[in-house]
C-alpha atoms as a PDB file:
ATOM      1  CA  UNK A   1      -2.152  -6.669  -6.744  1.00  0.00           C
ATOM      2  CA  UNK A   2      -4.054  -3.772  -5.187  1.00  0.00           C
ATOM      3  CA  UNK A   3      -2.756  -4.719  -1.745  1.00  0.00           C
ATOM      4  CA  UNK A   4       0.856  -4.727  -2.986  1.00  0.00           C
ATOM      5  CA  UNK A   5       0.321  -1.363  -4.667  1.00  0.00           C
ATOM      6  CA  UNK A   6      -1.052   0.121  -1.440  1.00  0.00           C
ATOM      7  CA  UNK A   7       1.830  -1.331   0.605  1.00  0.00           C
ATOM      8  CA  UNK A   8       4.311   0.111  -1.892  1.00  0.00           C
ATOM      9  CA  UNK A   9       2.691   3.566  -1.732  1.00  0.00           C
ATOM     10  CA  UNK A  10       2.703   3.389   2.070  1.00  0.00           C
ATOM     11  CA  UNK A  11       6.444   2.602   2.030  1.00  0.00           C
ATOM     12  CA  UNK A  12       7.009   5.754  -0.049  1.00  0.00           C
ATOM     13  CA  UNK A  13       4.930   7.775   2.428  1.00  0.00           C
ATOM     14  CA  UNK A  14       6.777   6.343   5.441  1.00  0.00           C
ATOM     15  CA  UNK A  15      10.250   7.042   4.077  1.00  0.00           C
ATOM     16  CA  UNK A  16      12.077   9.841   5.912  1.00  0.00           C
ATOM     17  CA  UNK A  17      12.934  11.468   2.573  1.00  0.00           C
ATOM     18  CA  UNK A  18      12.252  10.962  -1.109  1.00  0.00           C
ATOM     19  CA  UNK A  19      14.144   7.894  -2.251  1.00  0.00           C
ATOM     20  CA  UNK A  20      16.072   7.460  -5.442  1.00  0.00           C
ATOM     21  CA  UNK A  21      14.854   4.715  -7.753  1.00  0.00           C
ATOM     22  CA  UNK A  22      17.708   2.391  -6.814  1.00  0.00           C
ATOM     23  CA  UNK A  23      17.077   2.928  -3.102  1.00  0.00           C
ATOM     24  CA  UNK A  24      13.384   2.222  -3.492  1.00  0.00           C
ATOM     25  CA  UNK A  25      13.980  -0.894  -5.603  1.00  0.00           C
ATOM     26  CA  UNK A  26      16.323  -2.267  -2.946  1.00  0.00           C
ATOM     27  CA  UNK A  27      13.686  -1.644  -0.257  1.00  0.00           C
ATOM     28  CA  UNK A  28      11.012  -3.187  -2.488  1.00  0.00           C
ATOM     29  CA  UNK A  29      13.123  -6.280  -3.007  1.00  0.00           C
ATOM     30  CA  UNK A  30      13.726  -6.670   0.732  1.00  0.00           C
ATOM     31  CA  UNK A  31      10.062  -6.149   1.685  1.00  0.00           C
ATOM     32  CA  UNK A  32       8.386  -7.848  -1.274  1.00  0.00           C
ATOM     33  CA  UNK A  33       6.881  -4.654  -2.717  1.00  0.00           C
ATOM     34  CA  UNK A  34       6.268  -3.639  -6.310  1.00  0.00           C
ATOM     35  CA  UNK A  35       9.272  -2.323  -8.212  1.00  0.00           C
ATOM     36  CA  UNK A  36       9.527   1.283  -9.336  1.00  0.00           C
ATOM     37  CA  UNK A  37       8.872   0.139 -12.902  1.00  0.00           C
ATOM     38  CA  UNK A  38       5.657  -1.619 -11.853  1.00  0.00           C
ATOM     39  CA  UNK A  39       4.489   1.463  -9.947  1.00  0.00           C
ATOM     40  CA  UNK A  40       5.270   3.577 -12.990  1.00  0.00           C
ATOM     41  CA  UNK A  41       3.212   1.291 -15.225  1.00  0.00           C
ATOM     42  CA  UNK A  42       0.219   1.096 -12.859  1.00  0.00           C
ATOM     43  CA  UNK A  43       0.083   4.809 -12.037  1.00  0.00           C
ATOM     44  CA  UNK A  44       0.955   5.959 -15.571  1.00  0.00           C
ATOM     45  CA  UNK A  45       3.345   8.471 -13.997  1.00  0.00           C
ATOM     46  CA  UNK A  46       7.096   8.564 -13.671  1.00  0.00           C
ATOM     47  CA  UNK A  47       8.383   7.164 -10.396  1.00  0.00           C
ATOM     48  CA  UNK A  48       9.712  10.573  -9.330  1.00  0.00           C
ATOM     49  CA  UNK A  49       6.373  12.287 -10.050  1.00  0.00           C
ATOM     50  CA  UNK A  50       4.481   9.569  -8.196  1.00  0.00           C
ATOM     51  CA  UNK A  51       6.754   9.932  -5.151  1.00  0.00           C
ATOM     52  CA  UNK A  52       6.369  13.705  -5.112  1.00  0.00           C
ATOM     53  CA  UNK A  53       2.584  13.473  -5.306  1.00  0.00           C
ATOM     54  CA  UNK A  54       2.334  10.781  -2.624  1.00  0.00           C
ATOM     55  CA  UNK A  55       4.661  12.600  -0.259  1.00  0.00           C
ATOM     56  CA  UNK A  56       2.866  15.924  -0.872  1.00  0.00           C
ATOM     57  CA  UNK A  57      -0.504  14.310  -0.062  1.00  0.00           C
ATOM     58  CA  UNK A  58       1.022  12.865   3.094  1.00  0.00           C
ATOM     59  CA  UNK A  59       2.176  16.325   4.254  1.00  0.00           C
ATOM     60  CA  UNK A  60      -1.225  17.893   3.520  1.00  0.00           C
ATOM     61  CA  UNK A  61      -3.055  15.533   5.854  1.00  0.00           C
END
């Protein structure tokens, strides 16, 4: 599970722009990643908030 979570977060980081939930879920389905709802449950944050935080961290590095 942790590996899938990390792969899903990496996909968010690698995206050229912030994806909408439907866009991400389509990508997740194609690549076998966790759904936006699963990410929301695991992180205890909304999908949009999680994406913003992950992408912000990626820019700061």
